[in-house]
PDB file of N, CA and C in Angstrom:
ATOM      1  N   MET A   1      20.199 -16.464   0.163  1.00  0.00           N
ATOM      2  CA  MET A   1      20.509 -16.326  -0.785  1.00  0.00           C
ATOM      3  C   MET A   1      22.256 -16.419  -0.067  1.00  0.00           C
ATOM      4  N   TYR A   2      22.768 -17.182  -0.450  1.00  0.00           N
ATOM      5  CA  TYR A   2      23.512 -17.390  -0.699  1.00  0.00           C
ATOM      6  C   TYR A   2      25.522 -17.555  -1.688  1.00  0.00           C
ATOM      7  N   ASN A   3      25.720 -16.114  -1.323  1.00  0.00           N
ATOM      8  CA  ASN A   3      27.393 -16.420  -2.577  1.00  0.00           C
ATOM      9  C   ASN A   3      25.630 -15.012  -3.872  1.00  0.00           C
ATOM     10  N   ARG A   4      25.202 -14.907  -3.766  1.00  0.00           N
ATOM     11  CA  ARG A   4      24.449 -14.686  -4.787  1.00  0.00           C
ATOM     12  C   ARG A   4      23.008 -15.628  -5.535  1.00  0.00           C
ATOM     13  N   VAL A   5      23.012 -16.313  -4.358  1.00  0.00           N
ATOM     14  CA  VAL A   5      22.311 -17.540  -5.284  1.00  0.00           C
ATOM     15  C   VAL A   5      21.300 -17.839  -4.642  1.00  0.00           C
ATOM     16  N   TRP A   6      20.127 -18.246  -5.031  1.00  0.00           N
ATOM     17  CA  TRP A   6      18.802 -18.705  -4.069  1.00  0.00           C
ATOM     18  C   TRP A   6      18.444 -19.456  -3.613  1.00  0.00           C
ATOM     19  N   GLY A   7      18.407 -19.884  -2.388  1.00  0.00           N
ATOM     20  CA  GLY A   7      18.137 -21.300  -1.918  1.00  0.00           C
ATOM     21  C   GLY A   7      16.639 -21.399  -1.236  1.00  0.00           C
ATOM     22  N   SER A   8      16.743 -22.469  -0.768  1.00  0.00           N
ATOM     23  CA  SER A   8      15.998 -23.309  -0.297  1.00  0.00           C
ATOM     24  C   SER A   8      15.688 -24.215   0.956  1.00  0.00           C
ATOM     25  N   ILE A   9      14.400 -23.941   1.927  1.00  0.00           N
ATOM     26  CA  ILE A   9      14.450 -25.082   2.751  1.00  0.00           C
ATOM     27  C   ILE A   9      13.038 -25.793   3.369  1.00  0.00           C
ATOM     28  N   CYS A  10      13.896 -27.214   3.512  1.00  0.00           N
ATOM     29  CA  CYS A  10      13.690 -28.414   3.487  1.00  0.00           C
ATOM     30  C   CYS A  10      12.387 -28.102   4.822  1.00  0.00           C
ATOM     31  N   ASP A  11      10.854 -28.798   4.344  1.00  0.00           N
ATOM     32  CA  ASP A  11       9.918 -28.534   5.411  1.00  0.00           C
ATOM     33  C   ASP A  11       9.593 -29.608   6.038  1.00  0.00           C
ATOM     34  N   TRP A  12      10.981 -30.760   5.770  1.00  0.00           N
ATOM     35  CA  TRP A  12      10.633 -31.820   6.567  1.00  0.00           C
ATOM     36  C   TRP A  12      11.002 -31.633   7.890  1.00  0.00           C
ATOM     37  N   LEU A  13      10.129 -31.984   9.264  1.00  0.00           N
ATOM     38  CA  LEU A  13      10.029 -31.377  10.145  1.00  0.00           C
ATOM     39  C   LEU A  13      10.266 -29.907  10.516  1.00  0.00           C
ATOM     40  N   TRP A  14       9.412 -29.555   9.521  1.00  0.00           N
ATOM     41  CA  TRP A  14       9.009 -28.128   9.735  1.00  0.00           C
ATOM     42  C   TRP A  14       8.068 -27.558  10.516  1.00  0.00           C
ATOM     43  N   ASP A  15       7.996 -27.093  11.427  1.00  0.00           N
ATOM     44  CA  ASP A  15       6.915 -26.776  12.265  1.00  0.00           C
ATOM     45  C   ASP A  15       6.634 -24.596  12.594  1.00  0.00           C
ATOM     46  N   SER A  16       5.790 -24.310  13.791  1.00  0.00           N
ATOM     47  CA  SER A  16       5.631 -23.260  13.784  1.00  0.00           C
ATOM     48  C   SER A  16       6.641 -22.805  14.764  1.00  0.00           C
ATOM     49  N   ARG A  17       7.736 -23.325  15.365  1.00  0.00           N
ATOM     50  CA  ARG A  17       8.439 -22.686  15.923  1.00  0.00           C
ATOM     51  C   ARG A  17       9.331 -22.481  15.111  1.00  0.00           C
ATOM     52  N   ASP A  18       9.428 -22.859  13.890  1.00  0.00           N
ATOM     53  CA  ASP A  18      10.943 -22.495  13.121  1.00  0.00           C
ATOM     54  C   ASP A  18      10.188 -21.552  11.834  1.00  0.00           C
ATOM     55  N   ALA A  19       9.109 -21.854  11.734  1.00  0.00           N
ATOM     56  CA  ALA A  19       8.299 -20.520  11.100  1.00  0.00           C
ATOM     57  C   ALA A  19       8.130 -19.834  11.847  1.00  0.00           C
ATOM     58  N   ARG A  20       8.488 -19.635  13.344  1.00  0.00           N
ATOM     59  CA  ARG A  20       8.205 -17.839  14.169  1.00  0.00           C
ATOM     60  C   ARG A  20       9.521 -17.613  13.992  1.00  0.00           C
ATOM     61  N   VAL A  21      10.825 -18.579  13.643  1.00  0.00           N
ATOM     62  CA  VAL A  21      12.009 -17.536  13.585  1.00  0.00           C
ATOM     63  C   VAL A  21      12.305 -17.020  12.157  1.00  0.00           C
ATOM     64  N   PHE A  22      11.572 -18.351  11.457  1.00  0.00           N
ATOM     65  CA  PHE A  22      11.688 -17.388   9.421  1.00  0.00           C
ATOM     66  C   PHE A  22      11.421 -16.385  10.089  1.00  0.00           C
ATOM     67  N   TYR A  23       9.964 -16.172  10.637  1.00  0.00           N
ATOM     68  CA  TYR A  23       9.632 -14.459   9.881  1.00  0.00           C
ATOM     69  C   TYR A  23      10.450 -13.755  10.216  1.00  0.00           C
ATOM     70  N   ARG A  24      10.370 -14.012  11.933  1.00  0.00           N
ATOM     71  CA  ARG A  24      11.432 -12.882  12.197  1.00  0.00           C
ATOM     72  C   ARG A  24      12.868 -12.479  11.885  1.00  0.00           C
ATOM     73  N   THR A  25      13.580 -13.971  10.565  1.00  0.00           N
ATOM     74  CA  THR A  25      14.801 -13.650   9.836  1.00  0.00           C
ATOM     75  C   THR A  25      14.381 -12.321   9.049  1.00  0.00           C
ATOM     76  N   ILE A  26      13.152 -12.486   8.434  1.00  0.00           N
ATOM     77  CA  ILE A  26      12.967 -12.063   7.709  1.00  0.00           C
ATOM     78  C   ILE A  26      11.906 -10.367   7.542  1.00  0.00           C
ATOM     79  N   GLY A  27      12.405 -10.168   8.937  1.00  0.00           N
ATOM     80  CA  GLY A  27      11.466  -8.773   8.825  1.00  0.00           C
ATOM     81  C   GLY A  27      10.087  -9.025   9.297  1.00  0.00           C
ATOM     82  N   PHE A  28       9.383  -9.874  10.189  1.00  0.00           N
ATOM     83  CA  PHE A  28       7.629 -10.150   9.983  1.00  0.00           C
ATOM     84  C   PHE A  28       7.519 -10.253  11.217  1.00  0.00           C
ATOM     85  N   GLU A  29       6.704 -10.036  12.062  1.00  0.00           N
ATOM     86  CA  GLU A  29       6.239 -10.111  13.377  1.00  0.00           C
ATOM     87  C   GLU A  29       5.818 -11.771  13.267  1.00  0.00           C
ATOM     88  N   ASP A  30       5.625 -12.145  13.077  1.00  0.00           N
ATOM     89  CA  ASP A  30       4.556 -13.532  12.943  1.00  0.00           C
ATOM     90  C   ASP A  30       4.371 -14.184  11.861  1.00  0.00           C
ATOM     91  N   GLY A  31       3.886 -15.498  12.288  1.00  0.00           N
ATOM     92  CA  GLY A  31       3.105 -16.070  10.663  1.00  0.00           C
ATOM     93  C   GLY A  31       2.572 -18.113  11.506  1.00  0.00           C
ATOM     94  N   LEU A  32       2.937 -18.418  10.375  1.00  0.00           N
ATOM     95  CA  LEU A  32       1.805 -20.088  10.421  1.00  0.00           C
ATOM     96  C   LEU A  32       3.300 -20.650   9.048  1.00  0.00           C
ATOM     97  N   GLU A  33       3.440 -21.894  10.092  1.00  0.00           N
ATOM     98  CA  GLU A  33       3.819 -23.010   8.833  1.00  0.00           C
ATOM     99  C   GLU A  33       3.150 -23.284   7.941  1.00  0.00           C
ATOM    100  N   VAL A  34       3.694 -23.488   6.817  1.00  0.00           N
ATOM    101  CA  VAL A  34       2.986 -23.730   5.639  1.00  0.00           C
ATOM    102  C   VAL A  34       3.767 -25.352   4.856  1.00  0.00           C
ATOM    103  N   VAL A  35       3.418 -26.594   4.845  1.00  0.00           N
ATOM    104  CA  VAL A  35       4.456 -27.717   4.318  1.00  0.00           C
ATOM    105  C   VAL A  35       3.361 -27.448   3.265  1.00  0.00           C
ATOM    106  N   GLY A  36       3.972 -28.367   2.265  1.00  0.00           N
ATOM    107  CA  GLY A  36       3.377 -29.273   0.864  1.00  0.00           C
ATOM    108  C   GLY A  36       3.124 -28.851  -0.376  1.00  0.00           C
ATOM    109  N   ALA A  37       4.020 -27.589  -0.770  1.00  0.00           N
ATOM    110  CA  ALA A  37       3.974 -27.292  -1.798  1.00  0.00           C
ATOM    111  C   ALA A  37       2.460 -26.431  -1.817  1.00  0.00           C
ATOM    112  N   ARG A  38       2.197 -25.492  -0.873  1.00  0.00           N
ATOM    113  CA  ARG A  38       1.024 -25.380  -1.430  1.00  0.00           C
ATOM    114  C   ARG A  38       1.106 -24.243  -1.884  1.00  0.00           C
ATOM    115  N   TYR A  39       1.896 -23.340  -2.488  1.00  0.00           N
ATOM    116  CA  TYR A  39       2.193 -21.878  -2.939  1.00  0.00           C
ATOM    117  C   TYR A  39       3.373 -22.445  -3.937  1.00  0.00           C
ATOM    118  N   GLY A  40       3.251 -23.589  -4.419  1.00  0.00           N
ATOM    119  CA  GLY A  40       4.109 -23.685  -5.715  1.00  0.00           C
ATOM    120  C   GLY A  40       5.276 -24.111  -5.082  1.00  0.00           C
ATOM    121  N   GLN A  41       5.867 -24.943  -6.249  1.00  0.00           N
ATOM    122  CA  GLN A  41       7.256 -25.316  -6.161  1.00  0.00           C
ATOM    123  C   GLN A  41       8.581 -24.053  -6.620  1.00  0.00           C
ATOM    124  N   VAL A  42       9.792 -24.024  -6.173  1.00  0.00           N
ATOM    125  CA  VAL A  42      10.766 -22.982  -6.421  1.00  0.00           C
ATOM    126  C   VAL A  42      11.865 -23.828  -6.679  1.00  0.00           C
ATOM    127  N   GLU A  43      13.176 -23.463  -7.725  1.00  0.00           N
ATOM    128  CA  GLU A  43      13.701 -23.521  -7.604  1.00  0.00           C
ATOM    129  C   GLU A  43      15.266 -23.496  -7.111  1.00  0.00           C
ATOM    130  N   GLY A  44      15.846 -23.516  -6.769  1.00  0.00           N
ATOM    131  CA  GLY A  44      17.790 -23.105  -6.022  1.00  0.00           C
ATOM    132  C   GLY A  44      18.489 -24.297  -5.573  1.00  0.00           C
ATOM    133  N   PRO A  45      19.347 -23.941  -4.820  1.00  0.00           N
ATOM    134  CA  PRO A  45      20.265 -25.106  -4.409  1.00  0.00           C
ATOM    135  C   PRO A  45      19.440 -25.488  -2.699  1.00  0.00           C
ATOM    136  N   LEU A  46      19.322 -26.414  -2.057  1.00  0.00           N
ATOM    137  CA  LEU A  46      18.704 -27.067  -0.328  1.00  0.00           C
ATOM    138  C   LEU A  46      19.774 -26.020   0.401  1.00  0.00           C
ATOM    139  N   TRP A  47      19.666 -25.146   0.814  1.00  0.00           N
ATOM    140  CA  TRP A  47      20.178 -24.819   2.471  1.00  0.00           C
ATOM    141  C   TRP A  47      20.458 -25.033   3.454  1.00  0.00           C
ATOM    142  N   PHE A  48      18.785 -25.602   3.786  1.00  0.00           N
ATOM    143  CA  PHE A  48      18.623 -26.078   5.049  1.00  0.00           C
ATOM    144  C   PHE A  48      18.291 -27.344   5.106  1.00  0.00           C
ATOM    145  N   THR A  49      18.213 -27.808   5.739  1.00  0.00           N
ATOM    146  CA  THR A  49      16.844 -29.337   5.814  1.00  0.00           C
ATOM    147  C   THR A  49      17.030 -29.524   7.202  1.00  0.00           C
ATOM    148  N   ARG A  50      16.195 -30.147   8.042  1.00  0.00           N
ATOM    149  CA  ARG A  50      16.009 -30.460   9.479  1.00  0.00           C
ATOM    150  C   ARG A  50      16.276 -29.702   9.931  1.00  0.00           C
ATOM    151  N   VAL A  51      15.831 -28.630  10.176  1.00  0.00           N
ATOM    152  CA  VAL A  51      15.398 -27.208  10.847  1.00  0.00           C
ATOM    153  C   VAL A  51      14.889 -27.803  12.398  1.00  0.00           C
ATOM    154  N   SER A  52      15.514 -27.112  13.582  1.00  0.00           N
ATOM    155  CA  SER A  52      14.776 -27.534  14.598  1.00  0.00           C
ATOM    156  C   SER A  52      15.104 -26.356  15.818  1.00  0.00           C
ATOM    157  N   CYS A  53      14.257 -25.345  15.474  1.00  0.00           N
ATOM    158  CA  CYS A  53      14.990 -24.471  16.252  1.00  0.00           C
ATOM    159  C   CYS A  53      13.613 -24.605  17.521  1.00  0.00           C
ATOM    160  N   ASP A  54      14.254 -23.728  18.432  1.00  0.00           N
ATOM    161  CA  ASP A  54      13.534 -23.563  19.773  1.00  0.00           C
ATOM    162  C   ASP A  54      12.191 -22.960  19.786  1.00  0.00           C
ATOM    163  N   GLY A  55      11.939 -21.695  19.030  1.00  0.00           N
ATOM    164  CA  GLY A  55      11.393 -20.616  18.418  1.00  0.00           C
ATOM    165  C   GLY A  55      11.684 -19.410  19.086  1.00  0.00           C
ATOM    166  N   TYR A  56      12.925 -19.116  19.744  1.00  0.00           N
ATOM    167  CA  TYR A  56      12.904 -17.862  20.670  1.00  0.00           C
ATOM    168  C   TYR A  56      14.344 -17.230  19.893  1.00  0.00           C
ATOM    169  N   GLU A  57      14.968 -17.926  18.459  1.00  0.00           N
ATOM    170  CA  GLU A  57      15.890 -17.332  17.916  1.00  0.00           C
ATOM    171  C   GLU A  57      15.463 -16.011  17.210  1.00  0.00           C
ATOM    172  N   ASP A  58      16.860 -15.380  16.848  1.00  0.00           N
ATOM    173  CA  ASP A  58      16.631 -14.283  16.141  1.00  0.00           C
ATOM    174  C   ASP A  58      16.510 -14.664  14.992  1.00  0.00           C
ATOM    175  N   SER A  59      17.618 -15.728  14.430  1.00  0.00           N
ATOM    176  CA  SER A  59      17.227 -15.831  13.101  1.00  0.00           C
ATOM    177  C   SER A  59      17.646 -17.394  12.915  1.00  0.00           C
ATOM    178  N   LEU A  60      17.367 -17.927  12.066  1.00  0.00           N
ATOM    179  CA  LEU A  60      17.330 -19.648  11.777  1.00  0.00           C
ATOM    180  C   LEU A  60      18.952 -20.367  11.337  1.00  0.00           C
ATOM    181  N   LEU A  61      20.042 -18.735  11.638  1.00  0.00           N
ATOM    182  CA  LEU A  61      21.507 -19.340  11.381  1.00  0.00           C
ATOM    183  C   LEU A  61      21.754 -20.014  13.138  1.00  0.00           C
ATOM    184  N   GLN A  62      20.511 -19.588  14.129  1.00  0.00           N
ATOM    185  CA  GLN A  62      20.782 -19.712  15.049  1.00  0.00           C
ATOM    186  C   GLN A  62      20.273 -20.885  15.800  1.00  0.00           C
ATOM    187  N   CYS A  63      20.075 -21.828  14.533  1.00  0.00           N
ATOM    188  CA  CYS A  63      19.043 -23.197  14.966  1.00  0.00           C
ATOM    189  C   CYS A  63      19.609 -24.678  14.785  1.00  0.00           C
ATOM    190  N   ARG A  64      19.324 -25.544  15.448  1.00  0.00           N
ATOM    191  CA  ARG A  64      19.949 -26.422  14.593  1.00  0.00           C
ATOM    192  C   ARG A  64      19.167 -27.238  13.247  1.00  0.00           C
ATOM    193  N   HIS A  65      20.324 -27.216  12.684  1.00  0.00           N
ATOM    194  CA  HIS A  65      20.126 -28.288  11.549  1.00  0.00           C
ATOM    195  C   HIS A  65      21.061 -29.202  10.653  1.00  0.00           C
ATOM    196  N   THR A  66      20.586 -29.658   9.444  1.00  0.00           N
ATOM    197  CA  THR A  66      21.418 -30.431   8.954  1.00  0.00           C
ATOM    198  C   THR A  66      21.618 -30.157   7.727  1.00  0.00           C
ATOM    199  N   GLY A  67      22.551 -30.669   6.342  1.00  0.00           N
ATOM    200  CA  GLY A  67      22.976 -30.189   5.564  1.00  0.00           C
ATOM    201  C   GLY A  67      23.194 -28.809   4.902  1.00  0.00           C
ATOM    202  N   PHE A  68      23.270 -27.856   5.656  1.00  0.00           N
ATOM    203  CA  PHE A  68      23.646 -26.461   5.639  1.00  0.00           C
ATOM    204  C   PHE A  68      25.135 -25.959   4.775  1.00  0.00           C
ATOM    205  N   ASN A  69      24.360 -24.781   4.001  1.00  0.00           N
ATOM    206  CA  ASN A  69      24.970 -24.000   3.225  1.00  0.00           C
ATOM    207  C   ASN A  69      25.737 -23.071   4.058  1.00  0.00           C
ATOM    208  N   SER A  70      26.582 -22.619   4.353  1.00  0.00           N
ATOM    209  CA  SER A  70      26.209 -21.580   5.359  1.00  0.00           C
ATOM    210  C   SER A  70      25.983 -20.053   4.734  1.00  0.00           C
ATOM    211  N   SER A  71      25.662 -18.794   5.183  1.00  0.00           N
ATOM    212  CA  SER A  71      25.834 -17.622   4.534  1.00  0.00           C
ATOM    213  C   SER A  71      24.940 -16.982   5.774  1.00  0.00           C
ATOM    214  N   SER A  72      25.201 -15.653   5.912  1.00  0.00           N
ATOM    215  CA  SER A  72      24.940 -14.578   6.775  1.00  0.00           C
ATOM    216  C   SER A  72      23.909 -13.385   5.963  1.00  0.00           C
ATOM    217  N   GLU A  73      23.617 -13.725   4.936  1.00  0.00           N
ATOM    218  CA  GLU A  73      22.760 -13.264   4.004  1.00  0.00           C
ATOM    219  C   GLU A  73      21.480 -13.872   4.174  1.00  0.00           C
ATOM    220  N   MET A  74      20.498 -13.355   4.814  1.00  0.00           N
ATOM    221  CA  MET A  74      18.863 -14.393   4.943  1.00  0.00           C
ATOM    222  C   MET A  74      18.390 -13.964   4.884  1.00  0.00           C
ATOM    223  N   GLU A  75      17.811 -12.107   4.341  1.00  0.00           N
ATOM    224  CA  GLU A  75      17.261 -11.603   3.802  1.00  0.00           C
ATOM    225  C   GLU A  75      16.318 -12.096   2.340  1.00  0.00           C
ATOM    226  N   GLY A  76      17.486 -13.216   2.289  1.00  0.00           N
ATOM    227  CA  GLY A  76      16.746 -13.807   0.536  1.00  0.00           C
ATOM    228  C   GLY A  76      15.959 -14.909   0.636  1.00  0.00           C
ATOM    229  N   VAL A  77      16.159 -15.613   2.032  1.00  0.00           N
ATOM    230  CA  VAL A  77      15.828 -17.309   1.968  1.00  0.00           C
ATOM    231  C   VAL A  77      14.560 -17.258   2.035  1.00  0.00           C
ATOM    232  N   TYR A  78      14.009 -17.858   1.090  1.00  0.00           N
ATOM    233  CA  TYR A  78      12.985 -18.867   0.853  1.00  0.00           C
ATOM    234  C   TYR A  78      12.656 -20.002   1.635  1.00  0.00           C
ATOM    235  N   ALA A  79      11.200 -20.338   1.709  1.00  0.00           N
ATOM    236  CA  ALA A  79      11.494 -21.870   2.316  1.00  0.00           C
ATOM    237  C   ALA A  79      10.135 -22.758   1.203  1.00  0.00           C
ATOM    238  N   SER A  80      11.478 -24.067   0.344  1.00  0.00           N
ATOM    239  CA  SER A  80      10.893 -24.435  -0.800  1.00  0.00           C
ATOM    240  C   SER A  80      11.462 -25.929  -0.656  1.00  0.00           C
ATOM    241  N   LEU A  81      11.823 -26.231  -1.455  1.00  0.00           N
ATOM    242  CA  LEU A  81      12.040 -27.139  -2.406  1.00  0.00           C
ATOM    243  C   LEU A  81      12.863 -28.689  -1.331  1.00  0.00           C
ATOM    244  N   CYS A  82      12.555 -29.754  -1.502  1.00  0.00           N
ATOM    245  CA  CYS A  82      12.672 -30.617  -0.702  1.00  0.00           C
ATOM    246  C   CYS A  82      12.960 -32.394  -1.468  1.00  0.00           C
ATOM    247  N   ARG A  83      14.406 -32.284  -2.452  1.00  0.00           N
ATOM    248  CA  ARG A  83      13.792 -33.976  -2.885  1.00  0.00           C
ATOM    249  C   ARG A  83      12.395 -34.313  -3.911  1.00  0.00           C
ATOM    250  N   LYS A  84      11.307 -33.798  -3.104  1.00  0.00           N
ATOM    251  CA  LYS A  84      10.010 -33.799  -4.381  1.00  0.00           C
ATOM    252  C   LYS A  84       8.900 -32.752  -3.951  1.00  0.00           C
ATOM    253  N   SER A  85       8.396 -32.246  -4.796  1.00  0.00           N
ATOM    254  CA  SER A  85       7.689 -30.642  -4.279  1.00  0.00           C
ATOM    255  C   SER A  85       6.590 -30.919  -3.740  1.00  0.00           C
ATOM    256  N   SER A  86       6.503 -32.481  -3.755  1.00  0.00           N
ATOM    257  CA  SER A  86       5.273 -32.335  -2.620  1.00  0.00           C
ATOM    258  C   SER A  86       5.675 -32.159  -1.039  1.00  0.00           C
ATOM    259  N   TYR A  87       7.373 -32.042  -0.956  1.00  0.00           N
ATOM    260  CA  TYR A  87       7.761 -31.213   0.511  1.00  0.00           C
ATOM    261  C   TYR A  87       8.203 -29.847   0.517  1.00  0.00           C
ATOM    262  N   ASP A  88       7.481 -29.523  -0.331  1.00  0.00           N
ATOM    263  CA  ASP A  88       7.801 -27.945  -0.328  1.00  0.00           C
ATOM    264  C   ASP A  88       7.155 -26.900   0.782  1.00  0.00           C
ATOM    265  N   ALA A  89       7.770 -25.951   1.057  1.00  0.00           N
ATOM    266  CA  ALA A  89       7.273 -25.235   2.490  1.00  0.00           C
ATOM    267  C   ALA A  89       7.100 -23.953   1.968  1.00  0.00           C
ATOM    268  N   SER A  90       6.607 -23.371   2.304  1.00  0.00           N
ATOM    269  CA  SER A  90       6.038 -21.365   2.026  1.00  0.00           C
ATOM    270  C   SER A  90       5.895 -20.865   2.707  1.00  0.00           C
ATOM    271  N   ALA A  91       5.916 -19.381   2.981  1.00  0.00           N
ATOM    272  CA  ALA A  91       5.664 -18.671   4.342  1.00  0.00           C
ATOM    273  C   ALA A  91       3.744 -18.159   4.119  1.00  0.00           C
ATOM    274  N   ARG A  92       3.473 -17.857   5.555  1.00  0.00           N
ATOM    275  CA  ARG A  92       2.572 -17.192   5.820  1.00  0.00           C
ATOM    276  C   ARG A  92       2.667 -16.237   6.962  1.00  0.00           C
ATOM    277  N   CYS A  93       3.044 -15.172   6.414  1.00  0.00           N
ATOM    278  CA  CYS A  93       3.445 -14.471   7.443  1.00  0.00           C
ATOM    279  C   CYS A  93       2.528 -12.962   8.200  1.00  0.00           C
ATOM    280  N   PHE A  94       2.780 -12.477   8.735  1.00  0.00           N
ATOM    281  CA  PHE A  94       1.937 -11.475   9.276  1.00  0.00           C
ATOM    282  C   PHE A  94       2.383 -10.307  10.156  1.00  0.00           C
ATOM    283  N   ASP A  95       1.927  -9.192  10.037  1.00  0.00           N
ATOM    284  CA  ASP A  95       2.414  -7.246   9.574  1.00  0.00           C
ATOM    285  C   ASP A  95       1.961  -6.604  10.757  1.00  0.00           C
ATOM    286  N   LYS A  96       1.716  -6.255  11.445  1.00  0.00           N
ATOM    287  CA  LYS A  96       0.639  -5.145  12.008  1.00  0.00           C
ATOM    288  C   LYS A  96       0.441  -4.389  10.932  1.00  0.00           C
ATOM    289  N   LYS A  97       1.576  -3.391  10.828  1.00  0.00           N
ATOM    290  CA  LYS A  97       1.629  -2.574   9.168  1.00  0.00           C
ATOM    291  C   LYS A  97       0.777  -2.968   7.986  1.00  0.00           C
ATOM    292  N   LEU A  98       1.002  -4.708   7.615  1.00  0.00           N
ATOM    293  CA  LEU A  98       1.083  -4.756   6.215  1.00  0.00           C
ATOM    294  C   LEU A  98       0.239  -5.798   6.305  1.00  0.00           C
ATOM    295  N   GLY A  99      -0.898  -6.363   7.420  1.00  0.00           N
ATOM    296  CA  GLY A  99      -1.614  -7.281   7.105  1.00  0.00           C
ATOM    297  C   GLY A  99      -1.019  -8.321   7.113  1.00  0.00           C
ATOM    298  N   ARG A 100      -1.967  -9.377   6.425  1.00  0.00           N
ATOM    299  CA  ARG A 100      -1.501 -10.700   6.521  1.00  0.00           C
ATOM    300  C   ARG A 100      -0.536 -10.864   4.871  1.00  0.00           C
ATOM    301  N   LYS A 101      -0.256 -11.748   4.976  1.00  0.00           N
ATOM    302  CA  LYS A 101       0.977 -11.569   3.475  1.00  0.00           C
ATOM    303  C   LYS A 101       1.219 -13.043   3.330  1.00  0.00           C
ATOM    304  N   ILE A 102       0.710 -13.589   2.006  1.00  0.00           N
ATOM    305  CA  ILE A 102       1.660 -15.325   1.864  1.00  0.00           C
ATOM    306  C   ILE A 102       3.242 -14.512   1.024  1.00  0.00           C
ATOM    307  N   ILE A 103       4.124 -15.147   1.445  1.00  0.00           N
ATOM    308  CA  ILE A 103       5.059 -14.760   1.382  1.00  0.00           C
ATOM    309  C   ILE A 103       6.202 -15.704   0.671  1.00  0.00           C
ATOM    310  N   ARG A 104       6.836 -15.956  -0.411  1.00  0.00           N
ATOM    311  CA  ARG A 104       7.047 -17.304  -1.263  1.00  0.00           C
ATOM    312  C   ARG A 104       8.575 -16.152  -2.132  1.00  0.00           C
ATOM    313  N   TYR A 105       9.649 -16.636  -1.397  1.00  0.00           N
ATOM    314  CA  TYR A 105      10.992 -15.658  -2.256  1.00  0.00           C
ATOM    315  C   TYR A 105      11.659 -16.224  -2.847  1.00  0.00           C
ATOM    316  N   GLN A 106      11.361 -15.223  -3.794  1.00  0.00           N
ATOM    317  CA  GLN A 106      12.461 -16.316  -5.705  1.00  0.00           C
ATOM    318  C   GLN A 106      12.860 -14.571  -6.552  1.00  0.00           C
ATOM    319  N   ARG A 107      13.820 -15.906  -6.856  1.00  0.00           N
ATOM    320  CA  ARG A 107      14.303 -14.009  -7.905  1.00  0.00           C
ATOM    321  C   ARG A 107      13.474 -13.401  -9.021  1.00  0.00           C
ATOM    322  N   SER A 108      13.044 -12.880  -9.366  1.00  0.00           N
ATOM    323  CA  SER A 108      12.815 -12.328 -10.166  1.00  0.00           C
ATOM    324  C   SER A 108      13.448 -11.825 -11.584  1.00  0.00           C
TER     325      SER A 108
END
């Protein structure tokens, strides 16, 4: 979320290192990358494209990227929309306390 507007992350070049940092950013321990609109398409502006993390970062804000509209409010970020719905990404997160969860952040 940036300026109270939900946004999205393009899955182009999205891999397991990027996903691990994404999960850490939203408070989960681990997870897997999911691409190809597997959990459906979402709406909103595109906040991140071409995300490239090394995997040790604590936040997506520390990763390399292009096409970014900066924000320090990362708790509302979800992975999704990228030109076509076939490039949407979602999150499959893991937490010892909660077990496996499929996360698709979106306003309700």
